[in-house]
Amino acid sequence: MLLYVIRHGETEANKEGRFQGWSDNPLNEKGKELAVVTGRGMQGIRFDGCFSSPLIRARQTAQIILRESKNLDVPILIDERIKEIGMGEWEGKRFRTDLRGVSEEEAKVFFNRPFEFPGFPGGESARQVCERTQQFLWELAEKDDGRTYLISLHGFAMRAMLNCLYEDPSDFWQQHVPLNCEVNILEAAGGRIRFVEKNKVYYDASDCVDRYKEMKE
């Protein structure tokens, strides 16, 4: 079984440096373009199924990827377990240094040491998201059906889902928040899951924008 785990394309909240969480923000034009290029880069891959977070930015990304990779007949199944971390009272607030709308120290803990972050007020903690996303991952892997699946989700949710597979799971972000439309390719067989390829992008490197880099400094 092969799993193509993708983060959604760019949204205006990404561009503006805002916490999104469960806010249902659509892709912006740049986000749609990145998904189109990524989908075209996946032509030749036959997806047997697709799972998506219920949030529109993930669903739109899945729709575009399937269309552009010529997998239009593949249905998209929604799973609540792979939606983004709930950010509660922080949703919509800015995290960028120049216009930060939340505590600087708390924001830096979230972006540098998420497992030490106590959780968002009215939202979730890192470990809660790891639990639900990994439950989804292992449940799917247990099918061991030899098929190929697309999984469309979010930056934090992606790192949480894959945390159990990293050599150093204490490094939650693995040096950076996933880029928009970044793909991690997994192989699941015999009760084990391994990386085939990490942090792959199908678009030009000049279009890679790590808007979270300043939070790691």
C-alpha atoms as a PDB file:
ATOM      1  CA  MET A   1       0.000   0.000   0.000  1.00  0.00           C
ATOM      2  CA  LEU A   2       1.229   3.468  -0.933  1.00  0.00           C
ATOM      3  CA  LEU A   3       0.030   6.617   0.814  1.00  0.00           C
ATOM      4  CA  TYR A   4       0.546  10.094  -0.637  1.00  0.00           C
ATOM      5  CA  VAL A   5       0.071  12.462   2.307  1.00  0.00           C
ATOM      6  CA  ILE A   6      -0.301  16.073   1.142  1.00  0.00           C
ATOM      7  CA  ARG A   7      -0.695  19.409   2.877  1.00  0.00           C
ATOM      8  CA  HIS A   8      -3.311  21.722   1.332  1.00  0.00           C
ATOM      9  CA  GLY A   9      -2.420  24.659  -0.949  1.00  0.00           C
ATOM     10  CA  GLU A  10      -2.014  28.232   0.234  1.00  0.00           C
ATOM     11  CA  THR A  11      -4.855  30.234   1.807  1.00  0.00           C
ATOM     12  CA  GLU A  12      -5.083  33.928   2.583  1.00  0.00           C
ATOM     13  CA  ALA A  13      -4.638  33.075   6.267  1.00  0.00           C
ATOM     14  CA  ASN A  14      -1.341  31.338   5.392  1.00  0.00           C
ATOM     15  CA  LYS A  15      -0.248  34.379   3.417  1.00  0.00           C
ATOM     16  CA  GLU A  16      -1.170  36.776   6.220  1.00  0.00           C
ATOM     17  CA  GLY A  17       0.459  34.689   8.938  1.00  0.00           C
ATOM     18  CA  ARG A  18      -2.729  33.786  10.807  1.00  0.00           C
ATOM     19  CA  PHE A  19      -3.596  30.740  12.874  1.00  0.00           C
ATOM     20  CA  GLN A  20      -6.296  28.785  11.015  1.00  0.00           C
ATOM     21  CA  GLY A  21      -7.123  25.666  12.960  1.00  0.00           C
ATOM     22  CA  TRP A  22     -10.717  24.669  12.241  1.00  0.00           C
ATOM     23  CA  SER A  23     -11.551  27.954  10.455  1.00  0.00           C
ATOM     24  CA  ASP A  24     -12.950  26.895   7.082  1.00  0.00           C
ATOM     25  CA  ASN A  25     -10.815  29.013   4.760  1.00  0.00           C
ATOM     26  CA  PRO A  26     -10.677  28.219   1.013  1.00  0.00           C
ATOM     27  CA  LEU A  27      -7.570  28.144  -1.147  1.00  0.00           C
ATOM     28  CA  ASN A  28      -6.452  31.436  -2.645  1.00  0.00           C
ATOM     29  CA  GLU A  29      -5.352  31.678  -6.287  1.00  0.00           C
ATOM     30  CA  LYS A  30      -1.748  30.800  -5.421  1.00  0.00           C
ATOM     31  CA  GLY A  31      -2.978  27.782  -3.487  1.00  0.00           C
ATOM     32  CA  LYS A  32      -4.991  26.584  -6.462  1.00  0.00           C
ATOM     33  CA  GLU A  33      -1.981  27.059  -8.768  1.00  0.00           C
ATOM     34  CA  LEU A  34       0.258  25.006  -6.478  1.00  0.00           C
ATOM     35  CA  ALA A  35      -2.335  22.229  -6.369  1.00  0.00           C
ATOM     36  CA  VAL A  36      -2.646  22.246 -10.180  1.00  0.00           C
ATOM     37  CA  VAL A  37       1.126  21.947 -10.649  1.00  0.00           C
ATOM     38  CA  THR A  38       1.303  19.242  -7.996  1.00  0.00           C
ATOM     39  CA  GLY A  39      -1.559  17.295  -9.562  1.00  0.00           C
ATOM     40  CA  ARG A  40       0.062  17.444 -12.983  1.00  0.00           C
ATOM     41  CA  GLY A  41       3.286  16.216 -11.427  1.00  0.00           C
ATOM     42  CA  MET A  42       1.363  13.201 -10.159  1.00  0.00           C
ATOM     43  CA  GLN A  43       0.093  12.162 -13.571  1.00  0.00           C
ATOM     44  CA  GLY A  44       0.891   8.500 -13.985  1.00  0.00           C
ATOM     45  CA  ILE A  45      -0.077   7.676 -10.403  1.00  0.00           C
ATOM     46  CA  ARG A  46      -3.300   5.681 -10.192  1.00  0.00           C
ATOM     47  CA  PHE A  47      -5.093   6.477  -6.942  1.00  0.00           C
ATOM     48  CA  ASP A  48      -7.506   3.840  -5.717  1.00  0.00           C
ATOM     49  CA  GLY A  49      -8.971   6.066  -3.039  1.00  0.00           C
ATOM     50  CA  CYS A  50      -8.728   9.478  -1.399  1.00  0.00           C
ATOM     51  CA  PHE A  51      -9.242  10.706   2.161  1.00  0.00           C
ATOM     52  CA  SER A  52      -9.574  14.347   3.111  1.00  0.00           C
ATOM     53  CA  SER A  53     -10.008  16.502   6.150  1.00  0.00           C
ATOM     54  CA  PRO A  54     -13.520  17.998   6.217  1.00  0.00           C
ATOM     55  CA  LEU A  55     -12.110  21.540   5.946  1.00  0.00           C
ATOM     56  CA  ILE A  56     -12.570  23.149   2.536  1.00  0.00           C
ATOM     57  CA  ARG A  57      -8.903  23.946   1.897  1.00  0.00           C
ATOM     58  CA  ALA A  58      -8.034  20.249   2.146  1.00  0.00           C
ATOM     59  CA  ARG A  59     -11.059  19.160   0.110  1.00  0.00           C
ATOM     60  CA  GLN A  60     -10.289  21.671  -2.665  1.00  0.00           C
ATOM     61  CA  THR A  61      -6.684  20.477  -2.778  1.00  0.00           C
ATOM     62  CA  ALA A  62      -7.805  16.850  -3.095  1.00  0.00           C
ATOM     63  CA  GLN A  63     -10.276  17.744  -5.856  1.00  0.00           C
ATOM     64  CA  ILE A  64      -7.642  19.606  -7.865  1.00  0.00           C
ATOM     65  CA  ILE A  65      -5.006  16.889  -7.400  1.00  0.00           C
ATOM     66  CA  LEU A  66      -7.394  14.172  -8.552  1.00  0.00           C
ATOM     67  CA  ARG A  67      -8.538  16.228 -11.545  1.00  0.00           C
ATOM     68  CA  GLU A  68      -5.066  17.190 -12.718  1.00  0.00           C
ATOM     69  CA  SER A  69      -3.580  13.720 -12.150  1.00  0.00           C
ATOM     70  CA  LYS A  70      -6.407  12.222 -14.226  1.00  0.00           C
ATOM     71  CA  ASN A  71      -8.034  10.423 -11.306  1.00  0.00           C
ATOM     72  CA  LEU A  72     -11.406  12.128 -11.615  1.00  0.00           C
ATOM     73  CA  ASP A  73     -13.356   8.953 -10.914  1.00  0.00           C
ATOM     74  CA  VAL A  74     -11.865   8.580  -7.430  1.00  0.00           C
ATOM     75  CA  PRO A  75     -14.313   9.517  -4.640  1.00  0.00           C
ATOM     76  CA  ILE A  76     -13.165  11.690  -1.734  1.00  0.00           C
ATOM     77  CA  LEU A  77     -13.959  10.248   1.675  1.00  0.00           C
ATOM     78  CA  ILE A  78     -14.071  12.707   4.569  1.00  0.00           C
ATOM     79  CA  ASP A  79     -12.508  11.784   7.905  1.00  0.00           C
ATOM     80  CA  GLU A  80     -12.777  14.103  10.918  1.00  0.00           C
ATOM     81  CA  ARG A  81      -9.649  12.611  12.495  1.00  0.00           C
ATOM     82  CA  ILE A  82      -7.319  14.262   9.984  1.00  0.00           C
ATOM     83  CA  LYS A  83      -8.538  17.845  10.301  1.00  0.00           C
ATOM     84  CA  GLU A  84      -6.174  20.513  11.581  1.00  0.00           C
ATOM     85  CA  ILE A  85      -5.432  21.102  15.250  1.00  0.00           C
ATOM     86  CA  GLY A  86      -8.233  23.040  16.916  1.00  0.00           C
ATOM     87  CA  MET A  87      -6.784  26.431  17.870  1.00  0.00           C
ATOM     88  CA  GLY A  88      -9.753  27.680  19.835  1.00  0.00           C
ATOM     89  CA  GLU A  89      -9.435  31.318  20.879  1.00  0.00           C
ATOM     90  CA  TRP A  90      -6.271  31.791  18.785  1.00  0.00           C
ATOM     91  CA  GLU A  91      -7.950  31.136  15.442  1.00  0.00           C
ATOM     92  CA  GLY A  92      -7.689  34.122  13.128  1.00  0.00           C
ATOM     93  CA  LYS A  93      -4.964  35.765  15.202  1.00  0.00           C
ATOM     94  CA  ARG A  94      -1.622  36.666  13.646  1.00  0.00           C
ATOM     95  CA  PHE A  95       1.600  34.920  14.601  1.00  0.00           C
ATOM     96  CA  ARG A  96       4.063  36.847  12.431  1.00  0.00           C
ATOM     97  CA  THR A  97       6.539  38.949  14.388  1.00  0.00           C
ATOM     98  CA  ASP A  98       5.534  42.311  12.931  1.00  0.00           C
ATOM     99  CA  LEU A  99       1.806  41.941  13.626  1.00  0.00           C
ATOM    100  CA  ARG A 100       1.583  39.280  16.320  1.00  0.00           C
ATOM    101  CA  GLY A 101      -1.802  39.045  18.019  1.00  0.00           C
ATOM    102  CA  VAL A 102      -0.871  36.464  20.651  1.00  0.00           C
ATOM    103  CA  SER A 103       1.749  36.039  23.364  1.00  0.00           C
ATOM    104  CA  GLU A 104       5.219  35.978  21.785  1.00  0.00           C
ATOM    105  CA  GLU A 105       6.536  33.448  24.268  1.00  0.00           C
ATOM    106  CA  GLU A 106       3.589  31.091  23.860  1.00  0.00           C
ATOM    107  CA  ALA A 107       3.790  31.346  20.069  1.00  0.00           C
ATOM    108  CA  LYS A 108       7.486  30.482  20.134  1.00  0.00           C
ATOM    109  CA  VAL A 109       6.826  27.430  22.305  1.00  0.00           C
ATOM    110  CA  PHE A 110       4.195  26.247  19.816  1.00  0.00           C
ATOM    111  CA  PHE A 111       6.508  26.676  16.821  1.00  0.00           C
ATOM    112  CA  ASN A 112       9.638  25.343  18.521  1.00  0.00           C
ATOM    113  CA  ARG A 113       8.498  22.804  21.126  1.00  0.00           C
ATOM    114  CA  PRO A 114       4.868  21.835  20.448  1.00  0.00           C
ATOM    115  CA  PHE A 115       4.871  18.978  22.946  1.00  0.00           C
ATOM    116  CA  GLU A 116       5.581  21.508  25.697  1.00  0.00           C
ATOM    117  CA  PHE A 117       2.761  23.762  24.521  1.00  0.00           C
ATOM    118  CA  PRO A 118      -0.188  23.183  26.897  1.00  0.00           C
ATOM    119  CA  GLY A 119      -2.781  23.451  24.138  1.00  0.00           C
ATOM    120  CA  PHE A 120      -4.830  26.265  22.686  1.00  0.00           C
ATOM    121  CA  PRO A 121      -7.450  27.902  24.927  1.00  0.00           C
ATOM    122  CA  GLY A 122     -10.678  26.203  23.874  1.00  0.00           C
ATOM    123  CA  GLY A 123      -8.723  24.034  21.438  1.00  0.00           C
ATOM    124  CA  GLU A 124      -6.398  21.028  21.364  1.00  0.00           C
ATOM    125  CA  SER A 125      -2.899  19.968  22.359  1.00  0.00           C
ATOM    126  CA  ALA A 126      -0.234  18.367  20.152  1.00  0.00           C
ATOM    127  CA  ARG A 127      -0.677  14.968  21.779  1.00  0.00           C
ATOM    128  CA  GLN A 128      -4.425  14.983  21.193  1.00  0.00           C
ATOM    129  CA  VAL A 129      -3.857  15.577  17.479  1.00  0.00           C
ATOM    130  CA  CYS A 130      -1.168  12.878  17.351  1.00  0.00           C
ATOM    131  CA  GLU A 131      -3.627  10.420  18.877  1.00  0.00           C
ATOM    132  CA  ARG A 132      -6.474  10.990  16.415  1.00  0.00           C
ATOM    133  CA  THR A 133      -4.374  11.308  13.262  1.00  0.00           C
ATOM    134  CA  GLN A 134      -2.255   8.257  14.053  1.00  0.00           C
ATOM    135  CA  GLN A 135      -5.374   6.251  14.805  1.00  0.00           C
ATOM    136  CA  PHE A 136      -6.506   7.057  11.255  1.00  0.00           C
ATOM    137  CA  LEU A 137      -3.093   6.173   9.788  1.00  0.00           C
ATOM    138  CA  TRP A 138      -2.740   2.776  11.460  1.00  0.00           C
ATOM    139  CA  GLU A 139      -6.353   1.856  10.802  1.00  0.00           C
ATOM    140  CA  LEU A 140      -5.785   2.498   7.097  1.00  0.00           C
ATOM    141  CA  ALA A 141      -2.437   0.679   7.082  1.00  0.00           C
ATOM    142  CA  GLU A 142      -4.017  -2.399   8.654  1.00  0.00           C
ATOM    143  CA  LYS A 143      -6.049  -2.891   5.468  1.00  0.00           C
ATOM    144  CA  ASP A 144      -2.774  -3.907   3.807  1.00  0.00           C
ATOM    145  CA  ASP A 145      -4.652  -4.032   0.493  1.00  0.00           C
ATOM    146  CA  GLY A 146      -1.815  -3.063  -1.844  1.00  0.00           C
ATOM    147  CA  ARG A 147      -3.695  -0.005  -3.088  1.00  0.00           C
ATOM    148  CA  THR A 148      -2.613   3.616  -3.501  1.00  0.00           C
ATOM    149  CA  TYR A 149      -4.304   6.393  -1.544  1.00  0.00           C
ATOM    150  CA  LEU A 150      -4.178  10.193  -1.506  1.00  0.00           C
ATOM    151  CA  ILE A 151      -4.568  11.812   1.927  1.00  0.00           C
ATOM    152  CA  SER A 152      -5.223  15.567   1.976  1.00  0.00           C
ATOM    153  CA  LEU A 153      -4.809  17.351   5.273  1.00  0.00           C
ATOM    154  CA  HIS A 154      -2.953  20.179   7.074  1.00  0.00           C
ATOM    155  CA  GLY A 155       0.504  21.201   8.247  1.00  0.00           C
ATOM    156  CA  PHE A 156       0.222  20.435  11.952  1.00  0.00           C
ATOM    157  CA  ALA A 157      -1.985  17.408  11.347  1.00  0.00           C
ATOM    158  CA  MET A 158       0.577  16.021   8.869  1.00  0.00           C
ATOM    159  CA  ARG A 159       3.470  16.288  11.308  1.00  0.00           C
ATOM    160  CA  ALA A 160       1.284  14.826  14.084  1.00  0.00           C
ATOM    161  CA  MET A 161       0.260  11.858  11.927  1.00  0.00           C
ATOM    162  CA  LEU A 162       3.823  11.106  10.865  1.00  0.00           C
ATOM    163  CA  ASN A 163       5.424  11.774  14.263  1.00  0.00           C
ATOM    164  CA  CYS A 164       5.474   8.082  15.157  1.00  0.00           C
ATOM    165  CA  LEU A 165       7.519   7.337  12.015  1.00  0.00           C
ATOM    166  CA  TYR A 166      10.300   9.908  12.446  1.00  0.00           C
ATOM    167  CA  GLU A 167      13.736   8.889  13.716  1.00  0.00           C
ATOM    168  CA  ASP A 168      13.535  11.715  16.240  1.00  0.00           C
ATOM    169  CA  PRO A 169       9.876  12.169  17.206  1.00  0.00           C
ATOM    170  CA  SER A 170      10.852  14.787  19.803  1.00  0.00           C
ATOM    171  CA  ASP A 171      11.546  17.133  16.853  1.00  0.00           C
ATOM    172  CA  PHE A 172       7.872  17.647  16.057  1.00  0.00           C
ATOM    173  CA  TRP A 173       8.267  19.984  13.063  1.00  0.00           C
ATOM    174  CA  GLN A 174      11.268  18.126  11.562  1.00  0.00           C
ATOM    175  CA  GLN A 175      13.006  21.468  10.968  1.00  0.00           C
ATOM    176  CA  HIS A 176      10.076  23.192   9.281  1.00  0.00           C
ATOM    177  CA  VAL A 177       6.322  23.370   8.987  1.00  0.00           C
ATOM    178  CA  PRO A 178       5.305  21.470   5.807  1.00  0.00           C
ATOM    179  CA  LEU A 179       5.170  23.680   2.739  1.00  0.00           C
ATOM    180  CA  ASN A 180       1.869  24.147   0.950  1.00  0.00           C
ATOM    181  CA  CYS A 181       1.224  21.088  -1.258  1.00  0.00           C
ATOM    182  CA  GLU A 182       4.215  19.276   0.239  1.00  0.00           C
ATOM    183  CA  VAL A 183       3.907  15.497  -0.073  1.00  0.00           C
ATOM    184  CA  ASN A 184       5.202  12.659   2.088  1.00  0.00           C
ATOM    185  CA  ILE A 185       5.040   9.246   0.425  1.00  0.00           C
ATOM    186  CA  LEU A 186       4.639   6.190   2.648  1.00  0.00           C
ATOM    187  CA  GLU A 187       4.637   2.444   2.080  1.00  0.00           C
ATOM    188  CA  ALA A 188       2.533   0.319   4.426  1.00  0.00           C
ATOM    189  CA  ALA A 189       2.927  -3.456   4.421  1.00  0.00           C
ATOM    190  CA  GLY A 190       3.051  -6.283   6.919  1.00  0.00           C
ATOM    191  CA  GLY A 191       2.047  -4.110   9.854  1.00  0.00           C
ATOM    192  CA  ARG A 192       4.837  -1.603   9.241  1.00  0.00           C
ATOM    193  CA  ILE A 193       4.961   1.851   7.654  1.00  0.00           C
ATOM    194  CA  ARG A 194       8.069   3.423   6.150  1.00  0.00           C
ATOM    195  CA  PHE A 195       8.916   6.593   4.283  1.00  0.00           C
ATOM    196  CA  VAL A 196       9.461   6.263   0.542  1.00  0.00           C
ATOM    197  CA  GLU A 197      10.088   9.981   0.172  1.00  0.00           C
ATOM    198  CA  LYS A 198       9.905  12.905   2.593  1.00  0.00           C
ATOM    199  CA  ASN A 199       8.904  16.534   2.063  1.00  0.00           C
ATOM    200  CA  LYS A 200       8.515  16.315  -1.725  1.00  0.00           C
ATOM    201  CA  VAL A 201       7.285  19.288  -3.744  1.00  0.00           C
ATOM    202  CA  TYR A 202       6.272  19.052  -7.375  1.00  0.00           C
ATOM    203  CA  TYR A 203       6.670  22.763  -8.104  1.00  0.00           C
ATOM    204  CA  ASP A 204       9.724  24.974  -8.611  1.00  0.00           C
ATOM    205  CA  ALA A 205      11.844  25.595  -5.529  1.00  0.00           C
ATOM    206  CA  SER A 206      11.560  29.346  -6.090  1.00  0.00           C
ATOM    207  CA  ASP A 207       7.862  29.049  -5.206  1.00  0.00           C
ATOM    208  CA  CYS A 208       8.604  27.391  -1.845  1.00  0.00           C
ATOM    209  CA  VAL A 209       7.682  29.840   0.879  1.00  0.00           C
ATOM    210  CA  ASP A 210       8.361  28.902   4.497  1.00  0.00           C
ATOM    211  CA  ARG A 211       6.282  31.569   6.261  1.00  0.00           C
ATOM    212  CA  TYR A 212       7.063  30.026   9.632  1.00  0.00           C
ATOM    213  CA  LYS A 213      10.852  30.271   9.455  1.00  0.00           C
ATOM    214  CA  GLU A 214      11.025  33.378  11.625  1.00  0.00           C
ATOM    215  CA  MET A 215       9.269  31.513  14.426  1.00  0.00           C
ATOM    216  CA  LYS A 216      12.109  28.991  14.559  1.00  0.00           C
ATOM    217  CA  GLU A 217      14.770  31.642  15.173  1.00  0.00           C
END
